[in-house]
C-alpha atoms as a PDB file:
ATOM      1  CA  MET A   1     -27.815   7.455   6.494  1.00  0.00           C
ATOM      2  CA  GLU A   2     -25.157   6.121   8.876  1.00  0.00           C
ATOM      3  CA  VAL A   3     -22.025   4.906   7.075  1.00  0.00           C
ATOM      4  CA  LEU A   4     -19.718   2.448   8.827  1.00  0.00           C
ATOM      5  CA  TYR A   5     -16.248   1.588   7.551  1.00  0.00           C
ATOM      6  CA  LEU A   6     -15.064  -1.986   8.204  1.00  0.00           C
ATOM      7  CA  HIS A   7     -11.295  -2.144   7.804  1.00  0.00           C
ATOM      8  CA  GLY A   8      -9.297  -5.136   6.700  1.00  0.00           C
ATOM      9  CA  PHE A   9      -7.110  -7.662   8.505  1.00  0.00           C
ATOM     10  CA  ALA A  10      -4.001  -6.163  10.149  1.00  0.00           C
ATOM     11  CA  SER A  11      -5.175  -2.710   9.133  1.00  0.00           C
ATOM     12  CA  SER A  12      -7.109   0.064  10.887  1.00  0.00           C
ATOM     13  CA  ALA A  13      -9.932   2.547  10.430  1.00  0.00           C
ATOM     14  CA  GLN A  14      -7.216   5.174   9.875  1.00  0.00           C
ATOM     15  CA  SER A  15      -5.921   3.432   6.747  1.00  0.00           C
ATOM     16  CA  SER A  16      -5.499   5.452   3.563  1.00  0.00           C
ATOM     17  CA  LYS A  17      -8.818   4.176   2.163  1.00  0.00           C
ATOM     18  CA  GLY A  18     -10.651   4.866   5.406  1.00  0.00           C
ATOM     19  CA  ALA A  19      -9.218   8.383   5.564  1.00  0.00           C
ATOM     20  CA  TYR A  20     -10.094   8.998   1.908  1.00  0.00           C
ATOM     21  CA  PHE A  21     -13.749   8.058   2.308  1.00  0.00           C
ATOM     22  CA  ALA A  22     -14.014   9.918   5.616  1.00  0.00           C
ATOM     23  CA  GLU A  23     -12.865  13.122   3.931  1.00  0.00           C
ATOM     24  CA  LYS A  24     -15.198  12.700   0.953  1.00  0.00           C
ATOM     25  CA  LEU A  25     -18.236  11.926   3.121  1.00  0.00           C
ATOM     26  CA  ARG A  26     -17.440  14.777   5.523  1.00  0.00           C
ATOM     27  CA  ALA A  27     -17.849  17.200   2.640  1.00  0.00           C
ATOM     28  CA  HIS A  28     -21.456  15.967   2.371  1.00  0.00           C
ATOM     29  CA  GLY A  29     -22.155  16.250   6.092  1.00  0.00           C
ATOM     30  CA  ILE A  30     -21.723  12.540   6.864  1.00  0.00           C
ATOM     31  CA  ALA A  31     -19.313  11.341   9.524  1.00  0.00           C
ATOM     32  CA  LEU A  32     -17.729   8.006   8.632  1.00  0.00           C
ATOM     33  CA  ALA A  33     -17.802   5.814  11.729  1.00  0.00           C
ATOM     34  CA  GLY A  34     -16.875   2.199  12.277  1.00  0.00           C
ATOM     35  CA  PRO A  35     -15.506  -0.298  14.775  1.00  0.00           C
ATOM     36  CA  ASP A  36     -11.828  -0.724  15.561  1.00  0.00           C
ATOM     37  CA  PHE A  37     -11.269  -4.434  14.999  1.00  0.00           C
ATOM     38  CA  ASN A  38      -7.900  -4.185  16.770  1.00  0.00           C
ATOM     39  CA  ALA A  39      -9.664  -3.432  20.055  1.00  0.00           C
ATOM     40  CA  PRO A  40      -9.414  -4.479  22.786  1.00  0.00           C
ATOM     41  CA  ASP A  41      -6.317  -6.220  21.391  1.00  0.00           C
ATOM     42  CA  PHE A  42      -5.261  -7.673  18.054  1.00  0.00           C
ATOM     43  CA  THR A  43      -4.166 -11.015  19.491  1.00  0.00           C
ATOM     44  CA  SER A  44      -7.719 -12.028  20.442  1.00  0.00           C
ATOM     45  CA  LEU A  45      -9.221 -11.135  17.046  1.00  0.00           C
ATOM     46  CA  THR A  46     -11.961 -13.454  15.715  1.00  0.00           C
ATOM     47  CA  ILE A  47     -14.663 -13.115  13.082  1.00  0.00           C
ATOM     48  CA  THR A  48     -17.292 -13.480  15.812  1.00  0.00           C
ATOM     49  CA  ARG A  49     -15.787 -10.569  17.741  1.00  0.00           C
ATOM     50  CA  MET A  50     -15.754  -8.449  14.579  1.00  0.00           C
ATOM     51  CA  LEU A  51     -19.419  -9.231  13.941  1.00  0.00           C
ATOM     52  CA  ASP A  52     -20.307  -8.374  17.530  1.00  0.00           C
ATOM     53  CA  GLN A  53     -18.573  -5.020  17.107  1.00  0.00           C
ATOM     54  CA  VAL A  54     -20.492  -4.333  13.885  1.00  0.00           C
ATOM     55  CA  GLY A  55     -23.739  -5.292  15.597  1.00  0.00           C
ATOM     56  CA  ALA A  56     -23.038  -2.837  18.429  1.00  0.00           C
ATOM     57  CA  ALA A  57     -22.276  -0.070  15.913  1.00  0.00           C
ATOM     58  CA  VAL A  58     -25.500  -0.816  14.021  1.00  0.00           C
ATOM     59  CA  ASP A  59     -27.477  -0.682  17.278  1.00  0.00           C
ATOM     60  CA  ALA A  60     -25.866   2.669  18.107  1.00  0.00           C
ATOM     61  CA  ALA A  61     -27.221   4.074  14.834  1.00  0.00           C
ATOM     62  CA  ALA A  62     -30.733   3.940  16.351  1.00  0.00           C
ATOM     63  CA  ASP A  63     -33.329   4.050  13.559  1.00  0.00           C
ATOM     64  CA  ALA A  64     -31.062   5.456  10.830  1.00  0.00           C
ATOM     65  CA  PRO A  65     -30.447   3.235   7.783  1.00  0.00           C
ATOM     66  CA  VAL A  66     -26.907   1.833   7.838  1.00  0.00           C
ATOM     67  CA  ALA A  67     -24.516   1.421   4.911  1.00  0.00           C
ATOM     68  CA  LEU A  68     -21.399  -0.685   5.329  1.00  0.00           C
ATOM     69  CA  VAL A  69     -18.171   0.006   3.455  1.00  0.00           C
ATOM     70  CA  GLY A  70     -16.035  -3.127   3.880  1.00  0.00           C
ATOM     71  CA  SER A  71     -12.433  -3.549   2.764  1.00  0.00           C
ATOM     72  CA  SER A  72     -10.902  -7.012   2.251  1.00  0.00           C
ATOM     73  CA  LEU A  73     -11.653  -8.973   5.463  1.00  0.00           C
ATOM     74  CA  GLY A  74     -13.994  -6.120   6.361  1.00  0.00           C
ATOM     75  CA  GLY A  75     -15.885  -6.965   3.171  1.00  0.00           C
ATOM     76  CA  PHE A  76     -16.262 -10.564   4.321  1.00  0.00           C
ATOM     77  CA  VAL A  77     -17.639  -9.322   7.648  1.00  0.00           C
ATOM     78  CA  ALA A  78     -19.950  -6.850   5.888  1.00  0.00           C
ATOM     79  CA  VAL A  79     -21.576  -9.699   3.954  1.00  0.00           C
ATOM     80  CA  GLN A  80     -22.057 -11.675   7.164  1.00  0.00           C
ATOM     81  CA  ALA A  81     -23.553  -8.614   8.867  1.00  0.00           C
ATOM     82  CA  ALA A  82     -25.929  -7.996   5.953  1.00  0.00           C
ATOM     83  CA  ALA A  83     -27.187 -11.563   6.260  1.00  0.00           C
ATOM     84  CA  CYS A  84     -27.558 -11.227  10.049  1.00  0.00           C
ATOM     85  CA  TRP A  85     -29.353  -7.856  10.141  1.00  0.00           C
ATOM     86  CA  PRO A  86     -31.236  -7.352   6.854  1.00  0.00           C
ATOM     87  CA  ALA A  87     -33.749  -4.962   8.434  1.00  0.00           C
ATOM     88  CA  ARG A  88     -31.026  -2.628   9.729  1.00  0.00           C
ATOM     89  CA  ILE A  89     -28.337  -2.719   7.047  1.00  0.00           C
ATOM     90  CA  ASP A  90     -29.512  -0.878   3.954  1.00  0.00           C
ATOM     91  CA  ARG A  91     -26.659  -1.303   1.423  1.00  0.00           C
ATOM     92  CA  LEU A  92     -23.054  -2.420   1.024  1.00  0.00           C
ATOM     93  CA  VAL A  93     -19.905  -1.136  -0.646  1.00  0.00           C
ATOM     94  CA  LEU A  94     -17.232  -3.849  -0.857  1.00  0.00           C
ATOM     95  CA  LEU A  95     -13.601  -3.090  -1.703  1.00  0.00           C
ATOM     96  CA  ALA A  96     -11.621  -6.173  -2.768  1.00  0.00           C
ATOM     97  CA  PRO A  97     -13.823  -8.325  -0.521  1.00  0.00           C
ATOM     98  CA  ALA A  98     -12.350 -11.572   0.790  1.00  0.00           C
ATOM     99  CA  VAL A  99     -15.552 -13.479   0.043  1.00  0.00           C
ATOM    100  CA  ASP A 100     -13.739 -16.828  -0.201  1.00  0.00           C
ATOM    101  CA  LEU A 101     -12.299 -16.736   3.301  1.00  0.00           C
ATOM    102  CA  ARG A 102     -11.714 -20.361   4.100  1.00  0.00           C
ATOM    103  CA  ALA A 103      -9.996 -20.809   7.429  1.00  0.00           C
ATOM    104  CA  GLU A 104      -6.749 -21.936   5.812  1.00  0.00           C
ATOM    105  CA  ARG A 105      -6.561 -18.660   3.842  1.00  0.00           C
ATOM    106  CA  ILE A 106      -7.019 -16.190   6.694  1.00  0.00           C
ATOM    107  CA  VAL A 107      -3.276 -16.194   7.359  1.00  0.00           C
ATOM    108  CA  GLU A 108      -1.102 -17.684   4.601  1.00  0.00           C
ATOM    109  CA  LEU A 109       0.948 -20.366   6.364  1.00  0.00           C
ATOM    110  CA  GLY A 110       2.349 -23.728   5.391  1.00  0.00           C
ATOM    111  CA  ASP A 111       1.262 -26.925   7.143  1.00  0.00           C
ATOM    112  CA  ARG A 112       4.198 -26.854   9.539  1.00  0.00           C
ATOM    113  CA  ALA A 113       3.622 -23.261  10.526  1.00  0.00           C
ATOM    114  CA  LEU A 114      -0.076 -23.991  10.983  1.00  0.00           C
ATOM    115  CA  GLU A 115       0.736 -26.863  13.341  1.00  0.00           C
ATOM    116  CA  GLU A 116       3.042 -24.579  15.292  1.00  0.00           C
ATOM    117  CA  TRP A 117       0.334 -21.882  15.441  1.00  0.00           C
ATOM    118  CA  LYS A 118      -2.086 -24.429  16.902  1.00  0.00           C
ATOM    119  CA  ALA A 119       0.478 -25.777  19.369  1.00  0.00           C
ATOM    120  CA  THR A 120       1.601 -22.373  20.659  1.00  0.00           C
ATOM    121  CA  GLY A 121      -1.763 -20.637  20.370  1.00  0.00           C
ATOM    122  CA  ARG A 122      -0.411 -17.686  18.376  1.00  0.00           C
ATOM    123  CA  THR A 123       1.594 -16.692  15.325  1.00  0.00           C
ATOM    124  CA  ASN A 124       3.314 -13.465  14.354  1.00  0.00           C
ATOM    125  CA  ILE A 125       2.228 -11.382  11.354  1.00  0.00           C
ATOM    126  CA  PHE A 126       3.102  -7.909  10.145  1.00  0.00           C
ATOM    127  CA  HIS A 127       0.386  -5.458  11.129  1.00  0.00           C
ATOM    128  CA  TYR A 128       0.200  -2.683   8.543  1.00  0.00           C
ATOM    129  CA  GLY A 129      -1.936  -0.456  10.735  1.00  0.00           C
ATOM    130  CA  PHE A 130       0.622  -0.448  13.542  1.00  0.00           C
ATOM    131  CA  GLY A 131       3.698  -0.830  11.349  1.00  0.00           C
ATOM    132  CA  ARG A 132       5.173  -3.734  13.290  1.00  0.00           C
ATOM    133  CA  VAL A 133       5.028  -7.502  13.792  1.00  0.00           C
ATOM    134  CA  MET A 134       2.264  -8.559  16.175  1.00  0.00           C
ATOM    135  CA  PRO A 135       0.895 -11.891  17.446  1.00  0.00           C
ATOM    136  CA  VAL A 136      -2.558 -13.156  16.526  1.00  0.00           C
ATOM    137  CA  GLY A 137      -4.248 -16.026  18.330  1.00  0.00           C
ATOM    138  CA  TYR A 138      -5.162 -19.425  16.888  1.00  0.00           C
ATOM    139  CA  ALA A 139      -8.792 -18.737  17.858  1.00  0.00           C
ATOM    140  CA  LEU A 140      -8.998 -16.611  14.697  1.00  0.00           C
ATOM    141  CA  TYR A 141      -8.321 -19.681  12.554  1.00  0.00           C
ATOM    142  CA  GLU A 142     -10.764 -21.894  14.471  1.00  0.00           C
ATOM    143  CA  ASP A 143     -13.514 -19.291  14.515  1.00  0.00           C
ATOM    144  CA  ALA A 144     -13.205 -18.431  10.799  1.00  0.00           C
ATOM    145  CA  ALA A 145     -14.325 -21.961   9.891  1.00  0.00           C
ATOM    146  CA  ARG A 146     -17.791 -21.113  11.261  1.00  0.00           C
ATOM    147  CA  TYR A 147     -18.493 -18.536   8.552  1.00  0.00           C
ATOM    148  CA  ASP A 148     -19.123 -18.710   4.819  1.00  0.00           C
ATOM    149  CA  SER A 149     -19.585 -15.504   2.853  1.00  0.00           C
ATOM    150  CA  LEU A 150     -19.110 -17.275  -0.474  1.00  0.00           C
ATOM    151  CA  HIS A 151     -22.605 -18.746  -0.119  1.00  0.00           C
ATOM    152  CA  ALA A 152     -24.207 -16.227   2.260  1.00  0.00           C
ATOM    153  CA  ALA A 153     -27.752 -15.122   1.425  1.00  0.00           C
ATOM    154  CA  PHE A 154     -28.366 -11.374   1.511  1.00  0.00           C
ATOM    155  CA  GLY A 155     -30.450  -9.071  -0.661  1.00  0.00           C
ATOM    156  CA  GLN A 156     -29.198  -5.538  -0.011  1.00  0.00           C
ATOM    157  CA  PRO A 157     -28.018  -3.453  -2.991  1.00  0.00           C
ATOM    158  CA  THR A 158     -24.258  -3.903  -3.208  1.00  0.00           C
ATOM    159  CA  LEU A 159     -21.446  -2.203  -5.094  1.00  0.00           C
ATOM    160  CA  VAL A 160     -18.202  -4.194  -5.447  1.00  0.00           C
ATOM    161  CA  PHE A 161     -14.842  -2.846  -6.606  1.00  0.00           C
ATOM    162  CA  GLN A 162     -12.205  -5.439  -7.402  1.00  0.00           C
ATOM    163  CA  GLY A 163      -8.729  -5.069  -8.877  1.00  0.00           C
ATOM    164  CA  ARG A 164      -7.805  -7.387 -11.732  1.00  0.00           C
ATOM    165  CA  HIS A 165      -4.217  -7.542 -10.453  1.00  0.00           C
ATOM    166  CA  ASP A 166      -5.119  -8.356  -6.853  1.00  0.00           C
ATOM    167  CA  THR A 167      -2.827 -11.065  -5.430  1.00  0.00           C
ATOM    168  CA  ALA A 168      -4.568 -11.220  -2.025  1.00  0.00           C
ATOM    169  CA  VAL A 169      -8.167 -11.708  -3.221  1.00  0.00           C
ATOM    170  CA  ASN A 170      -8.806 -13.774  -6.338  1.00  0.00           C
ATOM    171  CA  PRO A 171     -10.625 -11.492  -8.825  1.00  0.00           C
ATOM    172  CA  HIS A 172     -12.111 -14.486 -10.689  1.00  0.00           C
ATOM    173  CA  VAL A 173     -13.777 -15.722  -7.494  1.00  0.00           C
ATOM    174  CA  VAL A 174     -15.211 -12.253  -6.806  1.00  0.00           C
ATOM    175  CA  GLU A 175     -16.452 -12.038 -10.411  1.00  0.00           C
ATOM    176  CA  GLN A 176     -18.230 -15.400 -10.168  1.00  0.00           C
ATOM    177  CA  TRP A 177     -19.634 -14.530  -6.750  1.00  0.00           C
ATOM    178  CA  ALA A 178     -21.043 -11.223  -8.020  1.00  0.00           C
ATOM    179  CA  ALA A 179     -22.455 -12.735 -11.225  1.00  0.00           C
ATOM    180  CA  ALA A 180     -24.609 -15.122  -9.188  1.00  0.00           C
ATOM    181  CA  ARG A 181     -26.280 -12.251  -7.276  1.00  0.00           C
ATOM    182  CA  PRO A 182     -28.694  -9.838  -9.001  1.00  0.00           C
ATOM    183  CA  ASN A 183     -28.336  -7.357  -6.123  1.00  0.00           C
ATOM    184  CA  VAL A 184     -24.567  -6.988  -6.723  1.00  0.00           C
ATOM    185  CA  GLU A 185     -22.974  -4.565  -9.194  1.00  0.00           C
ATOM    186  CA  LEU A 186     -19.319  -5.389  -9.854  1.00  0.00           C
ATOM    187  CA  HIS A 187     -16.669  -2.985 -11.135  1.00  0.00           C
ATOM    188  CA  LEU A 188     -13.464  -4.741 -12.220  1.00  0.00           C
ATOM    189  CA  LEU A 189     -10.555  -2.290 -12.216  1.00  0.00           C
ATOM    190  CA  ASP A 190      -6.993  -2.283 -13.531  1.00  0.00           C
ATOM    191  CA  ASP A 191      -5.611  -2.092 -10.006  1.00  0.00           C
ATOM    192  CA  ASP A 192      -4.212  -4.204  -7.176  1.00  0.00           C
ATOM    193  CA  HIS A 193      -5.574  -5.131  -3.738  1.00  0.00           C
ATOM    194  CA  GLN A 194      -5.146  -1.655  -2.288  1.00  0.00           C
ATOM    195  CA  LEU A 195      -7.177   0.020  -5.076  1.00  0.00           C
ATOM    196  CA  HIS A 196      -5.294   3.268  -4.456  1.00  0.00           C
ATOM    197  CA  ALA A 197      -5.087   4.182  -8.145  1.00  0.00           C
ATOM    198  CA  SER A 198      -8.869   3.835  -8.508  1.00  0.00           C
ATOM    199  CA  LEU A 199     -10.139   5.740  -5.472  1.00  0.00           C
ATOM    200  CA  ASP A 200     -11.418   8.750  -7.409  1.00  0.00           C
ATOM    201  CA  TYR A 201     -13.351   6.488  -9.796  1.00  0.00           C
ATOM    202  CA  ILE A 202     -14.696   4.464  -6.880  1.00  0.00           C
ATOM    203  CA  TRP A 203     -15.832   7.593  -5.063  1.00  0.00           C
ATOM    204  CA  GLU A 204     -17.799   8.847  -8.069  1.00  0.00           C
ATOM    205  CA  LYS A 205     -19.738   5.567  -8.108  1.00  0.00           C
ATOM    206  CA  VAL A 206     -20.090   5.357  -4.337  1.00  0.00           C
ATOM    207  CA  LYS A 207     -21.245   8.958  -4.015  1.00  0.00           C
ATOM    208  CA  GLY A 208     -24.344   8.364  -6.133  1.00  0.00           C
ATOM    209  CA  PHE A 209     -24.963   5.010  -4.482  1.00  0.00           C
ATOM    210  CA  LEU A 210     -24.833   6.313  -0.899  1.00  0.00           C
ATOM    211  CA  LEU A 211     -26.160   9.843  -1.260  1.00  0.00           C
ATOM    212  CA  SER A 212     -29.006   9.430  -3.740  1.00  0.00           C
END
């Protein structure tokens, strides 16, 4: 089993969740891999580029079954990847997945700021992975409108962990999304978007799901 970690927007594969799962999987002889969505640069980020990076990582896994662990925006991309490559992607673990990623929600901006983003071609956001403000291009907004994970068709077994107190991803939307899919098992947790307080519980569920 090859396990790929798909990090969230303005985050990195070295985030606290990524590091946590890497350590846990290492103890079972599995190296957690995954694309760096900030490469070659954060400014040119698009959903299409993220999917291309996932596709390359899946190809690099040769004939091994692939599991995707997707966090937030990485969860959105994981669903898209599962729909694109059903024969290669074996199962999904989604952490606070941004399944309802309409273009206008990818960066929270008012109408005026959105017009300015379009006019200038970029806007500045705080990048938590790098710890500083960084520009992101308007192509991200335009490209996001091409994708719909809310209605994506995929059949792989999927575990979802969603905090009830999440202010970045609407837990009611995730609950409705999961309820409509017999292949999805949802765990609603008394936690926020980061899910830091629930990591040990999540790992106990994920361990059986990935290693059985």
